[in-house]
Amino acid sequence: MYDMEAEEIANEKRQDELMLTFEHDLQKMRDLADKNTGVSGICASIVACVESKAGIIETSDLRMLDRQNRAIALRLIEVMCTPSMIPDRFRL
């Protein structure tokens, strides 16, 4: 049986976890986007989507990221699934 209250609590807990690393994760993606490397494009796309609270990311490009940076990218993508979580000060 589906427990809506438990689901809400779990969602709030996950959102809190994501927001603990949000600023660091976004800065890491910005830093990678600013470098002239093979991953700059996907990182710039992720940053643009977060800042505009919308956009399209070529998910197959995530394979170019190492494990740690892919985890950061996926956390940011998860935050983008709920745009209201993104503070307005991060918008363009």
PDB file of N, CA and C in Angstrom:
ATOM      1  N   MET A   1       0.838  -1.183   0.000  1.00  0.00           N
ATOM      2  CA  MET A   1       0.000   0.000   0.000  1.00  0.00           C
ATOM      3  C   MET A   1       0.883   1.247   0.000  1.00  0.00           C
ATOM      4  N   TYR A   2       0.493   2.209  -0.780  1.00  0.00           N
ATOM      5  CA  TYR A   2       1.234   3.460  -0.941  1.00  0.00           C
ATOM      6  C   TYR A   2       0.989   4.368   0.259  1.00  0.00           C
ATOM      7  N   ASP A   3       2.066   4.827   0.877  1.00  0.00           N
ATOM      8  CA  ASP A   3       1.984   5.710   2.031  1.00  0.00           C
ATOM      9  C   ASP A   3       2.439   7.107   1.599  1.00  0.00           C
ATOM     10  N   MET A   4       1.474   7.986   1.330  1.00  0.00           N
ATOM     11  CA  MET A   4       1.772   9.319   0.822  1.00  0.00           C
ATOM     12  C   MET A   4       2.592  10.143   1.810  1.00  0.00           C
ATOM     13  N   GLU A   5       2.314  10.019   3.075  1.00  0.00           N
ATOM     14  CA  GLU A   5       3.050  10.778   4.080  1.00  0.00           C
ATOM     15  C   GLU A   5       4.505  10.331   4.130  1.00  0.00           C
ATOM     16  N   ALA A   6       4.754   9.035   4.078  1.00  0.00           N
ATOM     17  CA  ALA A   6       6.122   8.519   4.075  1.00  0.00           C
ATOM     18  C   ALA A   6       6.872   8.978   2.829  1.00  0.00           C
ATOM     19  N   GLU A   7       6.175   9.008   1.702  1.00  0.00           N
ATOM     20  CA  GLU A   7       6.777   9.472   0.447  1.00  0.00           C
ATOM     21  C   GLU A   7       7.170  10.948   0.546  1.00  0.00           C
ATOM     22  N   GLU A   8       6.301  11.755   1.112  1.00  0.00           N
ATOM     23  CA  GLU A   8       6.597  13.177   1.297  1.00  0.00           C
ATOM     24  C   GLU A   8       7.799  13.372   2.204  1.00  0.00           C
ATOM     25  N   ILE A   9       7.858  12.637   3.286  1.00  0.00           N
ATOM     26  CA  ILE A   9       8.985  12.733   4.217  1.00  0.00           C
ATOM     27  C   ILE A   9      10.284  12.333   3.517  1.00  0.00           C
ATOM     28  N   ALA A  10      10.241  11.256   2.751  1.00  0.00           N
ATOM     29  CA  ALA A  10      11.424  10.801   2.021  1.00  0.00           C
ATOM     30  C   ALA A  10      11.858  11.842   0.989  1.00  0.00           C
ATOM     31  N   ASN A  11      10.897  12.448   0.297  1.00  0.00           N
ATOM     32  CA  ASN A  11      11.223  13.489  -0.687  1.00  0.00           C
ATOM     33  C   ASN A  11      11.854  14.707  -0.027  1.00  0.00           C
ATOM     34  N   GLU A  12      11.312  15.135   1.100  1.00  0.00           N
ATOM     35  CA  GLU A  12      11.866  16.277   1.818  1.00  0.00           C
ATOM     36  C   GLU A  12      13.280  15.976   2.302  1.00  0.00           C
ATOM     37  N   LYS A  13      13.498  14.777   2.787  1.00  0.00           N
ATOM     38  CA  LYS A  13      14.829  14.384   3.256  1.00  0.00           C
ATOM     39  C   LYS A  13      15.826  14.409   2.096  1.00  0.00           C
ATOM     40  N   ARG A  14      15.423  13.873   0.942  1.00  0.00           N
ATOM     41  CA  ARG A  14      16.306  13.863  -0.219  1.00  0.00           C
ATOM     42  C   ARG A  14      16.585  15.283  -0.697  1.00  0.00           C
ATOM     43  N   GLN A  15      15.578  16.136  -0.716  1.00  0.00           N
ATOM     44  CA  GLN A  15      15.789  17.526  -1.117  1.00  0.00           C
ATOM     45  C   GLN A  15      16.770  18.222  -0.183  1.00  0.00           C
ATOM     46  N   ASP A  16      16.641  17.980   1.107  1.00  0.00           N
ATOM     47  CA  ASP A  16      17.577  18.557   2.076  1.00  0.00           C
ATOM     48  C   ASP A  16      19.000  18.083   1.807  1.00  0.00           C
ATOM     49  N   GLU A  17      19.158  16.783   1.510  1.00  0.00           N
ATOM     50  CA  GLU A  17      20.483  16.232   1.201  1.00  0.00           C
ATOM     51  C   GLU A  17      21.071  16.896  -0.047  1.00  0.00           C
ATOM     52  N   LEU A  18      20.253  17.047  -1.072  1.00  0.00           N
ATOM     53  CA  LEU A  18      20.727  17.653  -2.315  1.00  0.00           C
ATOM     54  C   LEU A  18      21.137  19.108  -2.114  1.00  0.00           C
ATOM     55  N   MET A  19      20.398  19.829  -1.304  1.00  0.00           N
ATOM     56  CA  MET A  19      20.697  21.243  -1.109  1.00  0.00           C
ATOM     57  C   MET A  19      21.952  21.455  -0.261  1.00  0.00           C
ATOM     58  N   LEU A  20      22.356  20.454   0.509  1.00  0.00           N
ATOM     59  CA  LEU A  20      23.598  20.565   1.280  1.00  0.00           C
ATOM     60  C   LEU A  20      24.806  20.700   0.362  1.00  0.00           C
ATOM     61  N   THR A  21      24.766  20.063  -0.792  1.00  0.00           N
ATOM     62  CA  THR A  21      25.906  20.088  -1.711  1.00  0.00           C
ATOM     63  C   THR A  21      25.649  20.937  -2.956  1.00  0.00           C
ATOM     64  N   PHE A  22      24.482  21.536  -3.072  1.00  0.00           N
ATOM     65  CA  PHE A  22      24.097  22.234  -4.294  1.00  0.00           C
ATOM     66  C   PHE A  22      25.107  23.299  -4.709  1.00  0.00           C
ATOM     67  N   GLU A  23      25.443  24.215  -3.823  1.00  0.00           N
ATOM     68  CA  GLU A  23      26.352  25.307  -4.190  1.00  0.00           C
ATOM     69  C   GLU A  23      27.715  24.772  -4.604  1.00  0.00           C
ATOM     70  N   HIS A  24      28.244  23.825  -3.859  1.00  0.00           N
ATOM     71  CA  HIS A  24      29.541  23.228  -4.196  1.00  0.00           C
ATOM     72  C   HIS A  24      29.464  22.512  -5.539  1.00  0.00           C
ATOM     73  N   ASP A  25      28.410  21.742  -5.738  1.00  0.00           N
ATOM     74  CA  ASP A  25      28.242  21.000  -6.992  1.00  0.00           C
ATOM     75  C   ASP A  25      28.156  21.950  -8.188  1.00  0.00           C
ATOM     76  N   LEU A  26      27.379  23.011  -8.039  1.00  0.00           N
ATOM     77  CA  LEU A  26      27.228  23.964  -9.137  1.00  0.00           C
ATOM     78  C   LEU A  26      28.561  24.653  -9.426  1.00  0.00           C
ATOM     79  N   GLN A  27      29.301  25.005  -8.392  1.00  0.00           N
ATOM     80  CA  GLN A  27      30.598  25.656  -8.604  1.00  0.00           C
ATOM     81  C   GLN A  27      31.578  24.710  -9.288  1.00  0.00           C
ATOM     82  N   LYS A  28      31.551  23.452  -8.920  1.00  0.00           N
ATOM     83  CA  LYS A  28      32.418  22.456  -9.556  1.00  0.00           C
ATOM     84  C   LYS A  28      32.092  22.349 -11.046  1.00  0.00           C
ATOM     85  N   MET A  29      30.801  22.318 -11.389  1.00  0.00           N
ATOM     86  CA  MET A  29      30.412  22.266 -12.802  1.00  0.00           C
ATOM     87  C   MET A  29      30.837  23.540 -13.529  1.00  0.00           C
ATOM     88  N   ARG A  30      30.709  24.688 -12.866  1.00  0.00           N
ATOM     89  CA  ARG A  30      31.163  25.951 -13.477  1.00  0.00           C
ATOM     90  C   ARG A  30      32.662  25.904 -13.748  1.00  0.00           C
ATOM     91  N   ASP A  31      33.423  25.419 -12.774  1.00  0.00           N
ATOM     92  CA  ASP A  31      34.874  25.331 -12.932  1.00  0.00           C
ATOM     93  C   ASP A  31      35.244  24.434 -14.109  1.00  0.00           C
ATOM     94  N   LEU A  32      34.580  23.288 -14.219  1.00  0.00           N
ATOM     95  CA  LEU A  32      34.852  22.371 -15.319  1.00  0.00           C
ATOM     96  C   LEU A  32      34.414  22.964 -16.653  1.00  0.00           C
ATOM     97  N   ALA A  33      33.326  23.716 -16.655  1.00  0.00           N
ATOM     98  CA  ALA A  33      32.832  24.340 -17.884  1.00  0.00           C
ATOM     99  C   ALA A  33      33.817  25.391 -18.388  1.00  0.00           C
ATOM    100  N   ASP A  34      34.500  26.057 -17.467  1.00  0.00           N
ATOM    101  CA  ASP A  34      35.428  27.124 -17.832  1.00  0.00           C
ATOM    102  C   ASP A  34      36.755  26.604 -18.380  1.00  0.00           C
ATOM    103  N   LYS A  35      37.055  25.341 -18.136  1.00  0.00           N
ATOM    104  CA  LYS A  35      38.299  24.765 -18.643  1.00  0.00           C
ATOM    105  C   LYS A  35      38.086  24.314 -20.077  1.00  0.00           C
ATOM    106  N   ASN A  36      39.144  24.301 -20.832  1.00  0.00           N
ATOM    107  CA  ASN A  36      39.051  23.878 -22.233  1.00  0.00           C
ATOM    108  C   ASN A  36      39.381  22.390 -22.316  1.00  0.00           C
ATOM    109  N   THR A  37      38.429  21.566 -21.896  1.00  0.00           N
ATOM    110  CA  THR A  37      38.634  20.121 -21.893  1.00  0.00           C
ATOM    111  C   THR A  37      37.487  19.445 -22.630  1.00  0.00           C
ATOM    112  N   GLY A  38      37.553  18.139 -22.741  1.00  0.00           N
ATOM    113  CA  GLY A  38      36.506  17.385 -23.415  1.00  0.00           C
ATOM    114  C   GLY A  38      35.181  17.376 -22.685  1.00  0.00           C
ATOM    115  N   VAL A  39      35.181  17.762 -21.418  1.00  0.00           N
ATOM    116  CA  VAL A  39      33.933  17.755 -20.646  1.00  0.00           C
ATOM    117  C   VAL A  39      33.337  19.145 -20.472  1.00  0.00           C
ATOM    118  N   SER A  40      34.001  20.149 -21.017  1.00  0.00           N
ATOM    119  CA  SER A  40      33.520  21.532 -20.848  1.00  0.00           C
ATOM    120  C   SER A  40      32.105  21.723 -21.371  1.00  0.00           C
ATOM    121  N   GLY A  41      31.808  21.119 -22.520  1.00  0.00           N
ATOM    122  CA  GLY A  41      30.497  21.305 -23.139  1.00  0.00           C
ATOM    123  C   GLY A  41      29.351  20.784 -22.299  1.00  0.00           C
ATOM    124  N   ILE A  42      29.461  19.555 -21.825  1.00  0.00           N
ATOM    125  CA  ILE A  42      28.380  18.980 -21.015  1.00  0.00           C
ATOM    126  C   ILE A  42      28.249  19.733 -19.692  1.00  0.00           C
ATOM    127  N   CYS A  43      29.381  20.134 -19.114  1.00  0.00           N
ATOM    128  CA  CYS A  43      29.320  20.879 -17.848  1.00  0.00           C
ATOM    129  C   CYS A  43      28.664  22.238 -18.056  1.00  0.00           C
ATOM    130  N   ALA A  44      28.982  22.900 -19.165  1.00  0.00           N
ATOM    131  CA  ALA A  44      28.360  24.195 -19.467  1.00  0.00           C
ATOM    132  C   ALA A  44      26.856  24.030 -19.691  1.00  0.00           C
ATOM    133  N   SER A  45      26.463  22.940 -20.327  1.00  0.00           N
ATOM    134  CA  SER A  45      25.033  22.680 -20.542  1.00  0.00           C
ATOM    135  C   SER A  45      24.309  22.490 -19.222  1.00  0.00           C
ATOM    136  N   ILE A  46      24.925  21.753 -18.313  1.00  0.00           N
ATOM    137  CA  ILE A  46      24.314  21.517 -17.004  1.00  0.00           C
ATOM    138  C   ILE A  46      24.178  22.834 -16.243  1.00  0.00           C
ATOM    139  N   VAL A  47      25.238  23.636 -16.238  1.00  0.00           N
ATOM    140  CA  VAL A  47      25.195  24.929 -15.548  1.00  0.00           C
ATOM    141  C   VAL A  47      24.095  25.810 -16.144  1.00  0.00           C
ATOM    142  N   ALA A  48      24.012  25.869 -17.463  1.00  0.00           N
ATOM    143  CA  ALA A  48      22.992  26.698 -18.112  1.00  0.00           C
ATOM    144  C   ALA A  48      21.585  26.234 -17.739  1.00  0.00           C
ATOM    145  N   CYS A  49      21.382  24.928 -17.698  1.00  0.00           N
ATOM    146  CA  CYS A  49      20.062  24.402 -17.335  1.00  0.00           C
ATOM    147  C   CYS A  49      19.705  24.720 -15.887  1.00  0.00           C
ATOM    148  N   VAL A  50      20.675  24.596 -15.000  1.00  0.00           N
ATOM    149  CA  VAL A  50      20.411  24.911 -13.587  1.00  0.00           C
ATOM    150  C   VAL A  50      20.080  26.392 -13.448  1.00  0.00           C
ATOM    151  N   GLU A  51      20.891  27.239 -14.081  1.00  0.00           N
ATOM    152  CA  GLU A  51      20.695  28.678 -13.922  1.00  0.00           C
ATOM    153  C   GLU A  51      19.387  29.162 -14.538  1.00  0.00           C
ATOM    154  N   SER A  52      18.947  28.527 -15.606  1.00  0.00           N
ATOM    155  CA  SER A  52      17.694  28.950 -16.233  1.00  0.00           C
ATOM    156  C   SER A  52      16.490  28.151 -15.738  1.00  0.00           C
ATOM    157  N   LYS A  53      16.756  27.139 -14.921  1.00  0.00           N
ATOM    158  CA  LYS A  53      15.725  26.247 -14.381  1.00  0.00           C
ATOM    159  C   LYS A  53      14.982  25.506 -15.492  1.00  0.00           C
ATOM    160  N   ALA A  54      15.633  25.334 -16.632  1.00  0.00           N
ATOM    161  CA  ALA A  54      15.038  24.619 -17.760  1.00  0.00           C
ATOM    162  C   ALA A  54      16.129  24.313 -18.773  1.00  0.00           C
ATOM    163  N   GLY A  55      15.858  23.390 -19.656  1.00  0.00           N
ATOM    164  CA  GLY A  55      16.805  23.129 -20.729  1.00  0.00           C
ATOM    165  C   GLY A  55      16.900  21.663 -21.065  1.00  0.00           C
ATOM    166  N   ILE A  56      17.783  21.389 -22.004  1.00  0.00           N
ATOM    167  CA  ILE A  56      17.984  20.028 -22.479  1.00  0.00           C
ATOM    168  C   ILE A  56      19.446  19.645 -22.297  1.00  0.00           C
ATOM    169  N   ILE A  57      19.656  18.454 -21.784  1.00  0.00           N
ATOM    170  CA  ILE A  57      21.008  17.924 -21.591  1.00  0.00           C
ATOM    171  C   ILE A  57      21.128  16.651 -22.392  1.00  0.00           C
ATOM    172  N   GLU A  58      22.200  16.524 -23.126  1.00  0.00           N
ATOM    173  CA  GLU A  58      22.473  15.299 -23.872  1.00  0.00           C
ATOM    174  C   GLU A  58      23.039  14.281 -22.881  1.00  0.00           C
ATOM    175  N   THR A  59      22.183  13.401 -22.410  1.00  0.00           N
ATOM    176  CA  THR A  59      22.590  12.485 -21.341  1.00  0.00           C
ATOM    177  C   THR A  59      23.706  11.542 -21.750  1.00  0.00           C
ATOM    178  N   SER A  60      23.823  11.224 -23.016  1.00  0.00           N
ATOM    179  CA  SER A  60      24.913  10.335 -23.434  1.00  0.00           C
ATOM    180  C   SER A  60      26.276  10.985 -23.235  1.00  0.00           C
ATOM    181  N   ASP A  61      26.320  12.322 -23.155  1.00  0.00           N
ATOM    182  CA  ASP A  61      27.583  13.021 -22.914  1.00  0.00           C
ATOM    183  C   ASP A  61      28.078  12.850 -21.478  1.00  0.00           C
ATOM    184  N   LEU A  62      27.201  12.428 -20.584  1.00  0.00           N
ATOM    185  CA  LEU A  62      27.612  12.220 -19.192  1.00  0.00           C
ATOM    186  C   LEU A  62      28.678  11.136 -19.075  1.00  0.00           C
ATOM    187  N   ARG A  63      28.764  10.254 -20.061  1.00  0.00           N
ATOM    188  CA  ARG A  63      29.743   9.176 -20.013  1.00  0.00           C
ATOM    189  C   ARG A  63      31.170   9.705 -20.046  1.00  0.00           C
ATOM    190  N   MET A  64      31.361  10.940 -20.517  1.00  0.00           N
ATOM    191  CA  MET A  64      32.696  11.534 -20.586  1.00  0.00           C
ATOM    192  C   MET A  64      33.201  11.973 -19.211  1.00  0.00           C
ATOM    193  N   LEU A  65      32.296  12.135 -18.274  1.00  0.00           N
ATOM    194  CA  LEU A  65      32.688  12.582 -16.930  1.00  0.00           C
ATOM    195  C   LEU A  65      33.215  11.415 -16.120  1.00  0.00           C
ATOM    196  N   ASP A  66      34.193  11.697 -15.260  1.00  0.00           N
ATOM    197  CA  ASP A  66      34.655  10.644 -14.358  1.00  0.00           C
ATOM    198  C   ASP A  66      33.565  10.375 -13.317  1.00  0.00           C
ATOM    199  N   ARG A  67      33.742   9.343 -12.546  1.00  0.00           N
ATOM    200  CA  ARG A  67      32.705   8.903 -11.606  1.00  0.00           C
ATOM    201  C   ARG A  67      32.282  10.004 -10.634  1.00  0.00           C
ATOM    202  N   GLN A  68      33.255  10.713 -10.079  1.00  0.00           N
ATOM    203  CA  GLN A  68      32.949  11.761  -9.098  1.00  0.00           C
ATOM    204  C   GLN A  68      32.180  12.911  -9.743  1.00  0.00           C
ATOM    205  N   ASN A  69      32.619  13.358 -10.903  1.00  0.00           N
ATOM    206  CA  ASN A  69      31.935  14.477 -11.563  1.00  0.00           C
ATOM    207  C   ASN A  69      30.598  14.059 -12.145  1.00  0.00           C
ATOM    208  N   ARG A  70      30.462  12.795 -12.529  1.00  0.00           N
ATOM    209  CA  ARG A  70      29.154  12.308 -12.988  1.00  0.00           C
ATOM    210  C   ARG A  70      28.171  12.320 -11.832  1.00  0.00           C
ATOM    211  N   ALA A  71      28.634  11.951 -10.639  1.00  0.00           N
ATOM    212  CA  ALA A  71      27.756  11.983  -9.465  1.00  0.00           C
ATOM    213  C   ALA A  71      27.290  13.416  -9.186  1.00  0.00           C
ATOM    214  N   ILE A  72      28.192  14.368  -9.334  1.00  0.00           N
ATOM    215  CA  ILE A  72      27.830  15.780  -9.151  1.00  0.00           C
ATOM    216  C   ILE A  72      26.795  16.188 -10.188  1.00  0.00           C
ATOM    217  N   ALA A  73      27.041  15.830 -11.435  1.00  0.00           N
ATOM    218  CA  ALA A  73      26.105  16.172 -12.516  1.00  0.00           C
ATOM    219  C   ALA A  73      24.729  15.564 -12.258  1.00  0.00           C
ATOM    220  N   LEU A  74      24.704  14.321 -11.839  1.00  0.00           N
ATOM    221  CA  LEU A  74      23.418  13.656 -11.595  1.00  0.00           C
ATOM    222  C   LEU A  74      22.667  14.282 -10.421  1.00  0.00           C
ATOM    223  N   ARG A  75      23.397  14.731  -9.394  1.00  0.00           N
ATOM    224  CA  ARG A  75      22.726  15.437  -8.294  1.00  0.00           C
ATOM    225  C   ARG A  75      22.105  16.736  -8.803  1.00  0.00           C
ATOM    226  N   LEU A  76      22.835  17.462  -9.640  1.00  0.00           N
ATOM    227  CA  LEU A  76      22.288  18.704 -10.188  1.00  0.00           C
ATOM    228  C   LEU A  76      21.082  18.436 -11.075  1.00  0.00           C
ATOM    229  N   ILE A  77      21.145  17.369 -11.859  1.00  0.00           N
ATOM    230  CA  ILE A  77      19.994  17.001 -12.693  1.00  0.00           C
ATOM    231  C   ILE A  77      18.802  16.653 -11.813  1.00  0.00           C
ATOM    232  N   GLU A  78      19.049  15.963 -10.713  1.00  0.00           N
ATOM    233  CA  GLU A  78      17.953  15.634  -9.796  1.00  0.00           C
ATOM    234  C   GLU A  78      17.332  16.908  -9.216  1.00  0.00           C
ATOM    235  N   VAL A  79      18.161  17.890  -8.883  1.00  0.00           N
ATOM    236  CA  VAL A  79      17.635  19.165  -8.393  1.00  0.00           C
ATOM    237  C   VAL A  79      16.800  19.832  -9.482  1.00  0.00           C
ATOM    238  N   MET A  80      17.259  19.760 -10.738  1.00  0.00           N
ATOM    239  CA  MET A  80      16.517  20.387 -11.835  1.00  0.00           C
ATOM    240  C   MET A  80      15.143  19.758 -12.045  1.00  0.00           C
ATOM    241  N   CYS A  81      14.968  18.540 -11.581  1.00  0.00           N
ATOM    242  CA  CYS A  81      13.656  17.887 -11.697  1.00  0.00           C
ATOM    243  C   CYS A  81      12.610  18.572 -10.829  1.00  0.00           C
ATOM    244  N   THR A  82      13.065  19.344  -9.868  1.00  0.00           N
ATOM    245  CA  THR A  82      12.182  20.141  -9.013  1.00  0.00           C
ATOM    246  C   THR A  82      12.714  21.571  -9.032  1.00  0.00           C
ATOM    247  N   PRO A  83      12.431  22.336 -10.096  1.00  0.00           N
ATOM    248  CA  PRO A  83      13.024  23.672 -10.247  1.00  0.00           C
ATOM    249  C   PRO A  83      12.793  24.610  -9.070  1.00  0.00           C
ATOM    250  N   SER A  84      11.729  24.398  -8.330  1.00  0.00           N
ATOM    251  CA  SER A  84      11.466  25.275  -7.180  1.00  0.00           C
ATOM    252  C   SER A  84      12.539  25.133  -6.103  1.00  0.00           C
ATOM    253  N   MET A  85      13.328  24.056  -6.162  1.00  0.00           N
ATOM    254  CA  MET A  85      14.414  23.880  -5.192  1.00  0.00           C
ATOM    255  C   MET A  85      15.583  24.821  -5.480  1.00  0.00           C
ATOM    256  N   ILE A  86      15.714  25.272  -6.724  1.00  0.00           N
ATOM    257  CA  ILE A  86      16.857  26.084  -7.112  1.00  0.00           C
ATOM    258  C   ILE A  86      16.619  27.521  -6.661  1.00  0.00           C
ATOM    259  N   PRO A  87      17.500  28.043  -5.814  1.00  0.00           N
ATOM    260  CA  PRO A  87      17.334  29.425  -5.364  1.00  0.00           C
ATOM    261  C   PRO A  87      17.386  30.391  -6.548  1.00  0.00           C
ATOM    262  N   ASP A  88      16.572  31.440  -6.526  1.00  0.00           N
ATOM    263  CA  ASP A  88      16.531  32.394  -7.623  1.00  0.00           C
ATOM    264  C   ASP A  88      17.866  33.084  -7.863  1.00  0.00           C
ATOM    265  N   ARG A  89      18.701  33.195  -6.847  1.00  0.00           N
ATOM    266  CA  ARG A  89      19.979  33.903  -7.029  1.00  0.00           C
ATOM    267  C   ARG A  89      20.920  33.154  -7.971  1.00  0.00           C
ATOM    268  N   PHE A  90      20.589  31.881  -8.312  1.00  0.00           N
ATOM    269  CA  PHE A  90      21.427  31.113  -9.223  1.00  0.00           C
ATOM    270  C   PHE A  90      20.958  31.257 -10.659  1.00  0.00           C
ATOM    271  N   ARG A  91      19.893  31.975 -10.869  1.00  0.00           N
ATOM    272  CA  ARG A  91      19.400  32.163 -12.230  1.00  0.00           C
ATOM    273  C   ARG A  91      20.227  33.228 -12.935  1.00  0.00           C
ATOM    274  N   LEU A  92      20.222  33.177 -14.248  1.00  0.00           N
ATOM    275  CA  LEU A  92      20.960  34.162 -15.058  1.00  0.00           C
ATOM    276  C   LEU A  92      20.415  35.551 -14.871  1.00  0.00           C
TER     277      LEU A  92
END
